[in-house]
Amino acid sequence: MAKTVTVIGIDPAELAWIRMLVLLLRHPDPVVPELTRQALRYLEAAAARNGVSTADRKVAPAIQR
């Protein structure tokens, strides 16, 4: 089985950050995943306030809400 999976819209330079995010979300201490989720929500809100959107990046989001 292959150890890599191609994901459309993910820059290869961003893979280390994605791996870290997954590790934090899977952490056995229940506080760590919750804090990670809160940090992501904060970053999303900050980006929205600053006018940064997925359309500006020319990349489709991985998850549609």
PDB file of N, CA and C in Angstrom:
ATOM      1  N   MET A   1       0.835  -1.176   0.000  1.00  0.00           N
ATOM      2  CA  MET A   1       0.000   0.000   0.000  1.00  0.00           C
ATOM      3  C   MET A   1       0.883   1.244   0.000  1.00  0.00           C
ATOM      4  N   ALA A   2       0.477   2.243  -0.739  1.00  0.00           N
ATOM      5  CA  ALA A   2       1.247   3.484  -0.832  1.00  0.00           C
ATOM      6  C   ALA A   2       1.209   4.245   0.485  1.00  0.00           C
ATOM      7  N   LYS A   3       2.310   4.913   0.792  1.00  0.00           N
ATOM      8  CA  LYS A   3       2.376   5.694   2.017  1.00  0.00           C
ATOM      9  C   LYS A   3       1.971   7.143   1.792  1.00  0.00           C
ATOM     10  N   THR A   4       1.778   7.544   0.557  1.00  0.00           N
ATOM     11  CA  THR A   4       1.378   8.910   0.264  1.00  0.00           C
ATOM     12  C   THR A   4       0.057   8.922  -0.476  1.00  0.00           C
ATOM     13  N   VAL A   5      -0.674   9.999  -0.299  1.00  0.00           N
ATOM     14  CA  VAL A   5      -1.948  10.183  -0.970  1.00  0.00           C
ATOM     15  C   VAL A   5      -1.937  11.582  -1.571  1.00  0.00           C
ATOM     16  N   THR A   6      -2.277  11.687  -2.825  1.00  0.00           N
ATOM     17  CA  THR A   6      -2.333  12.975  -3.490  1.00  0.00           C
ATOM     18  C   THR A   6      -3.649  13.651  -3.135  1.00  0.00           C
ATOM     19  N   VAL A   7      -3.577  14.899  -2.683  1.00  0.00           N
ATOM     20  CA  VAL A   7      -4.760  15.665  -2.336  1.00  0.00           C
ATOM     21  C   VAL A   7      -4.742  16.944  -3.159  1.00  0.00           C
ATOM     22  N   ILE A   8      -5.778  17.145  -3.923  1.00  0.00           N
ATOM     23  CA  ILE A   8      -5.867  18.338  -4.756  1.00  0.00           C
ATOM     24  C   ILE A   8      -6.013  19.555  -3.849  1.00  0.00           C
ATOM     25  N   GLY A   9      -5.209  20.567  -4.119  1.00  0.00           N
ATOM     26  CA  GLY A   9      -5.298  21.803  -3.355  1.00  0.00           C
ATOM     27  C   GLY A   9      -4.316  21.901  -2.210  1.00  0.00           C
ATOM     28  N   ILE A  10      -3.523  20.870  -1.964  1.00  0.00           N
ATOM     29  CA  ILE A  10      -2.526  20.909  -0.897  1.00  0.00           C
ATOM     30  C   ILE A  10      -1.155  21.104  -1.539  1.00  0.00           C
ATOM     31  N   ASP A  11      -0.507  22.168  -1.147  1.00  0.00           N
ATOM     32  CA  ASP A  11       0.850  22.445  -1.608  1.00  0.00           C
ATOM     33  C   ASP A  11       1.795  21.486  -0.878  1.00  0.00           C
ATOM     34  N   PRO A  12       2.726  20.832  -1.561  1.00  0.00           N
ATOM     35  CA  PRO A  12       3.652  19.910  -0.891  1.00  0.00           C
ATOM     36  C   PRO A  12       4.406  20.556   0.279  1.00  0.00           C
ATOM     37  N   ALA A  13       4.639  21.852   0.211  1.00  0.00           N
ATOM     38  CA  ALA A  13       5.322  22.533   1.308  1.00  0.00           C
ATOM     39  C   ALA A  13       4.445  22.614   2.565  1.00  0.00           C
ATOM     40  N   GLU A  14       3.135  22.434   2.410  1.00  0.00           N
ATOM     41  CA  GLU A  14       2.205  22.503   3.540  1.00  0.00           C
ATOM     42  C   GLU A  14       1.994  21.154   4.226  1.00  0.00           C
ATOM     43  N   LEU A  15       2.523  20.097   3.679  1.00  0.00           N
ATOM     44  CA  LEU A  15       2.258  18.767   4.237  1.00  0.00           C
ATOM     45  C   LEU A  15       2.726  18.608   5.676  1.00  0.00           C
ATOM     46  N   ALA A  16       3.845  19.207   6.034  1.00  0.00           N
ATOM     47  CA  ALA A  16       4.322  19.104   7.415  1.00  0.00           C
ATOM     48  C   ALA A  16       3.311  19.726   8.380  1.00  0.00           C
ATOM     49  N   TRP A  17       2.696  20.844   7.977  1.00  0.00           N
ATOM     50  CA  TRP A  17       1.692  21.492   8.827  1.00  0.00           C
ATOM     51  C   TRP A  17       0.441  20.637   8.931  1.00  0.00           C
ATOM     52  N   ILE A  18       0.047  20.004   7.844  1.00  0.00           N
ATOM     53  CA  ILE A  18      -1.136  19.132   7.863  1.00  0.00           C
ATOM     54  C   ILE A  18      -0.892  17.938   8.780  1.00  0.00           C
ATOM     55  N   ARG A  19       0.299  17.361   8.690  1.00  0.00           N
ATOM     56  CA  ARG A  19       0.635  16.228   9.564  1.00  0.00           C
ATOM     57  C   ARG A  19       0.598  16.639  11.033  1.00  0.00           C
ATOM     58  N   MET A  20       1.146  17.816  11.350  1.00  0.00           N
ATOM     59  CA  MET A  20       1.137  18.299  12.726  1.00  0.00           C
ATOM     60  C   MET A  20      -0.289  18.521  13.209  1.00  0.00           C
ATOM     61  N   LEU A  21      -1.119  19.091  12.358  1.00  0.00           N
ATOM     62  CA  LEU A  21      -2.511  19.327  12.712  1.00  0.00           C
ATOM     63  C   LEU A  21      -3.232  18.009  13.008  1.00  0.00           C
ATOM     64  N   VAL A  22      -3.021  17.014  12.176  1.00  0.00           N
ATOM     65  CA  VAL A  22      -3.649  15.701  12.398  1.00  0.00           C
ATOM     66  C   VAL A  22      -3.156  15.089  13.705  1.00  0.00           C
ATOM     67  N   LEU A  23      -1.857  15.193  13.979  1.00  0.00           N
ATOM     68  CA  LEU A  23      -1.323  14.663  15.235  1.00  0.00           C
ATOM     69  C   LEU A  23      -1.952  15.357  16.440  1.00  0.00           C
ATOM     70  N   LEU A  24      -2.110  16.666  16.368  1.00  0.00           N
ATOM     71  CA  LEU A  24      -2.727  17.397  17.474  1.00  0.00           C
ATOM     72  C   LEU A  24      -4.194  17.016  17.650  1.00  0.00           C
ATOM     73  N   LEU A  25      -4.911  16.842  16.540  1.00  0.00           N
ATOM     74  CA  LEU A  25      -6.325  16.471  16.635  1.00  0.00           C
ATOM     75  C   LEU A  25      -6.519  15.041  17.127  1.00  0.00           C
ATOM     76  N   ARG A  26      -5.519  14.189  16.971  1.00  0.00           N
ATOM     77  CA  ARG A  26      -5.601  12.792  17.432  1.00  0.00           C
ATOM     78  C   ARG A  26      -4.910  12.573  18.772  1.00  0.00           C
ATOM     79  N   HIS A  27      -4.448  13.624  19.411  1.00  0.00           N
ATOM     80  CA  HIS A  27      -3.697  13.505  20.667  1.00  0.00           C
ATOM     81  C   HIS A  27      -4.545  12.801  21.726  1.00  0.00           C
ATOM     82  N   PRO A  28      -3.942  11.922  22.543  1.00  0.00           N
ATOM     83  CA  PRO A  28      -4.713  11.177  23.545  1.00  0.00           C
ATOM     84  C   PRO A  28      -5.262  12.048  24.685  1.00  0.00           C
ATOM     85  N   ASP A  29      -4.604  13.154  24.995  1.00  0.00           N
ATOM     86  CA  ASP A  29      -5.111  14.057  26.027  1.00  0.00           C
ATOM     87  C   ASP A  29      -6.269  14.841  25.421  1.00  0.00           C
ATOM     88  N   PRO A  30      -7.488  14.735  25.967  1.00  0.00           N
ATOM     89  CA  PRO A  30      -8.646  15.374  25.343  1.00  0.00           C
ATOM     90  C   PRO A  30      -8.567  16.902  25.277  1.00  0.00           C
ATOM     91  N   VAL A  31      -7.707  17.507  26.072  1.00  0.00           N
ATOM     92  CA  VAL A  31      -7.579  18.967  26.051  1.00  0.00           C
ATOM     93  C   VAL A  31      -6.875  19.438  24.775  1.00  0.00           C
ATOM     94  N   VAL A  32      -5.908  18.681  24.298  1.00  0.00           N
ATOM     95  CA  VAL A  32      -5.114  19.091  23.132  1.00  0.00           C
ATOM     96  C   VAL A  32      -5.969  19.183  21.868  1.00  0.00           C
ATOM     97  N   PRO A  33      -6.773  18.178  21.520  1.00  0.00           N
ATOM     98  CA  PRO A  33      -7.611  18.318  20.321  1.00  0.00           C
ATOM     99  C   PRO A  33      -8.609  19.481  20.429  1.00  0.00           C
ATOM    100  N   GLU A  34      -9.181  19.669  21.617  1.00  0.00           N
ATOM    101  CA  GLU A  34     -10.135  20.769  21.787  1.00  0.00           C
ATOM    102  C   GLU A  34      -9.446  22.118  21.620  1.00  0.00           C
ATOM    103  N   LEU A  35      -8.277  22.278  22.195  1.00  0.00           N
ATOM    104  CA  LEU A  35      -7.525  23.525  22.049  1.00  0.00           C
ATOM    105  C   LEU A  35      -7.144  23.760  20.580  1.00  0.00           C
ATOM    106  N   THR A  36      -6.810  22.689  19.881  1.00  0.00           N
ATOM    107  CA  THR A  36      -6.484  22.785  18.457  1.00  0.00           C
ATOM    108  C   THR A  36      -7.685  23.257  17.662  1.00  0.00           C
ATOM    109  N   ARG A  37      -8.867  22.691  17.950  1.00  0.00           N
ATOM    110  CA  ARG A  37     -10.079  23.116  17.261  1.00  0.00           C
ATOM    111  C   ARG A  37     -10.380  24.590  17.519  1.00  0.00           C
ATOM    112  N   GLN A  38     -10.223  25.013  18.784  1.00  0.00           N
ATOM    113  CA  GLN A  38     -10.461  26.422  19.113  1.00  0.00           C
ATOM    114  C   GLN A  38      -9.478  27.333  18.380  1.00  0.00           C
ATOM    115  N   ALA A  39      -8.239  26.907  18.283  1.00  0.00           N
ATOM    116  CA  ALA A  39      -7.229  27.705  17.567  1.00  0.00           C
ATOM    117  C   ALA A  39      -7.587  27.812  16.086  1.00  0.00           C
ATOM    118  N   LEU A  40      -8.056  26.724  15.489  1.00  0.00           N
ATOM    119  CA  LEU A  40      -8.458  26.760  14.083  1.00  0.00           C
ATOM    120  C   LEU A  40      -9.644  27.685  13.867  1.00  0.00           C
ATOM    121  N   ARG A  41     -10.608  27.649  14.788  1.00  0.00           N
ATOM    122  CA  ARG A  41     -11.754  28.560  14.678  1.00  0.00           C
ATOM    123  C   ARG A  41     -11.308  30.012  14.794  1.00  0.00           C
ATOM    124  N   TYR A  42     -10.391  30.279  15.707  1.00  0.00           N
ATOM    125  CA  TYR A  42      -9.860  31.630  15.872  1.00  0.00           C
ATOM    126  C   TYR A  42      -9.166  32.097  14.591  1.00  0.00           C
ATOM    127  N   LEU A  43      -8.327  31.239  14.011  1.00  0.00           N
ATOM    128  CA  LEU A  43      -7.627  31.602  12.779  1.00  0.00           C
ATOM    129  C   LEU A  43      -8.600  31.836  11.627  1.00  0.00           C
ATOM    130  N   GLU A  44      -9.629  31.013  11.552  1.00  0.00           N
ATOM    131  CA  GLU A  44     -10.635  31.184  10.506  1.00  0.00           C
ATOM    132  C   GLU A  44     -11.344  32.531  10.661  1.00  0.00           C
ATOM    133  N   ALA A  45     -11.718  32.874  11.892  1.00  0.00           N
ATOM    134  CA  ALA A  45     -12.388  34.148  12.144  1.00  0.00           C
ATOM    135  C   ALA A  45     -11.451  35.323  11.847  1.00  0.00           C
ATOM    136  N   ALA A  46     -10.190  35.210  12.236  1.00  0.00           N
ATOM    137  CA  ALA A  46      -9.226  36.278  11.976  1.00  0.00           C
ATOM    138  C   ALA A  46      -9.021  36.468  10.476  1.00  0.00           C
ATOM    139  N   ALA A  47      -8.972  35.380   9.740  1.00  0.00           N
ATOM    140  CA  ALA A  47      -8.816  35.477   8.287  1.00  0.00           C
ATOM    141  C   ALA A  47     -10.041  36.131   7.665  1.00  0.00           C
ATOM    142  N   ALA A  48     -11.218  35.809   8.177  1.00  0.00           N
ATOM    143  CA  ALA A  48     -12.447  36.407   7.656  1.00  0.00           C
ATOM    144  C   ALA A  48     -12.477  37.911   7.936  1.00  0.00           C
ATOM    145  N   ARG A  49     -12.030  38.309   9.132  1.00  0.00           N
ATOM    146  CA  ARG A  49     -11.995  39.738   9.469  1.00  0.00           C
ATOM    147  C   ARG A  49     -11.014  40.494   8.586  1.00  0.00           C
ATOM    148  N   ASN A  50      -9.942  39.850   8.202  1.00  0.00           N
ATOM    149  CA  ASN A  50      -8.916  40.493   7.386  1.00  0.00           C
ATOM    150  C   ASN A  50      -9.207  40.387   5.894  1.00  0.00           C
ATOM    151  N   GLY A  51     -10.334  39.801   5.546  1.00  0.00           N
ATOM    152  CA  GLY A  51     -10.722  39.726   4.151  1.00  0.00           C
ATOM    153  C   GLY A  51     -10.034  38.614   3.377  1.00  0.00           C
ATOM    154  N   VAL A  52      -9.435  37.666   4.051  1.00  0.00           N
ATOM    155  CA  VAL A  52      -8.804  36.536   3.379  1.00  0.00           C
ATOM    156  C   VAL A  52      -9.867  35.467   3.190  1.00  0.00           C
ATOM    157  N   SER A  53     -10.066  35.065   1.952  1.00  0.00           N
ATOM    158  CA  SER A  53     -11.050  34.021   1.687  1.00  0.00           C
ATOM    159  C   SER A  53     -10.435  32.946   0.814  1.00  0.00           C
ATOM    160  N   THR A  54     -11.133  31.837   0.707  1.00  0.00           N
ATOM    161  CA  THR A  54     -10.635  30.748  -0.132  1.00  0.00           C
ATOM    162  C   THR A  54     -10.600  31.159  -1.590  1.00  0.00           C
ATOM    163  N   ALA A  55     -11.483  32.090  -1.995  1.00  0.00           N
ATOM    164  CA  ALA A  55     -11.481  32.560  -3.387  1.00  0.00           C
ATOM    165  C   ALA A  55     -10.202  33.330  -3.689  1.00  0.00           C
ATOM    166  N   ASP A  56      -9.665  34.032  -2.678  1.00  0.00           N
ATOM    167  CA  ASP A  56      -8.427  34.778  -2.877  1.00  0.00           C
ATOM    168  C   ASP A  56      -7.241  33.846  -3.119  1.00  0.00           C
ATOM    169  N   ARG A  57      -7.296  32.644  -2.551  1.00  0.00           N
ATOM    170  CA  ARG A  57      -6.186  31.709  -2.676  1.00  0.00           C
ATOM    171  C   ARG A  57      -6.248  30.890  -3.954  1.00  0.00           C
ATOM    172  N   LYS A  58      -7.371  30.956  -4.678  1.00  0.00           N
ATOM    173  CA  LYS A  58      -7.563  30.199  -5.915  1.00  0.00           C
ATOM    174  C   LYS A  58      -7.500  28.689  -5.668  1.00  0.00           C
ATOM    175  N   VAL A  59      -7.924  28.273  -4.468  1.00  0.00           N
ATOM    176  CA  VAL A  59      -7.923  26.855  -4.107  1.00  0.00           C
ATOM    177  C   VAL A  59      -9.282  26.550  -3.479  1.00  0.00           C
ATOM    178  N   ALA A  60      -9.875  25.456  -3.884  1.00  0.00           N
ATOM    179  CA  ALA A  60     -11.141  25.051  -3.291  1.00  0.00           C
ATOM    180  C   ALA A  60     -10.898  24.505  -1.891  1.00  0.00           C
ATOM    181  N   PRO A  61     -11.746  24.836  -0.911  1.00  0.00           N
ATOM    182  CA  PRO A  61     -11.563  24.314   0.435  1.00  0.00           C
ATOM    183  C   PRO A  61     -11.795  22.814   0.476  1.00  0.00           C
ATOM    184  N   ALA A  62     -11.099  22.141   1.391  1.00  0.00           N
ATOM    185  CA  ALA A  62     -11.239  20.691   1.521  1.00  0.00           C
ATOM    186  C   ALA A  62     -12.595  20.326   2.104  1.00  0.00           C
ATOM    187  N   ILE A  63     -13.110  21.181   2.993  1.00  0.00           N
ATOM    188  CA  ILE A  63     -14.387  20.892   3.649  1.00  0.00           C
ATOM    189  C   ILE A  63     -15.306  22.080   3.446  1.00  0.00           C
ATOM    190  N   GLN A  64     -16.482  21.809   2.912  1.00  0.00           N
ATOM    191  CA  GLN A  64     -17.499  22.855   2.760  1.00  0.00           C
ATOM    192  C   GLN A  64     -18.383  22.811   3.989  1.00  0.00           C
ATOM    193  N   ARG A  65     -18.650  23.964   4.599  1.00  0.00           N
ATOM    194  CA  ARG A  65     -19.541  24.001   5.776  1.00  0.00           C
ATOM    195  C   ARG A  65     -20.924  24.398   5.363  1.00  0.00           C
TER     196      ARG A  65
END
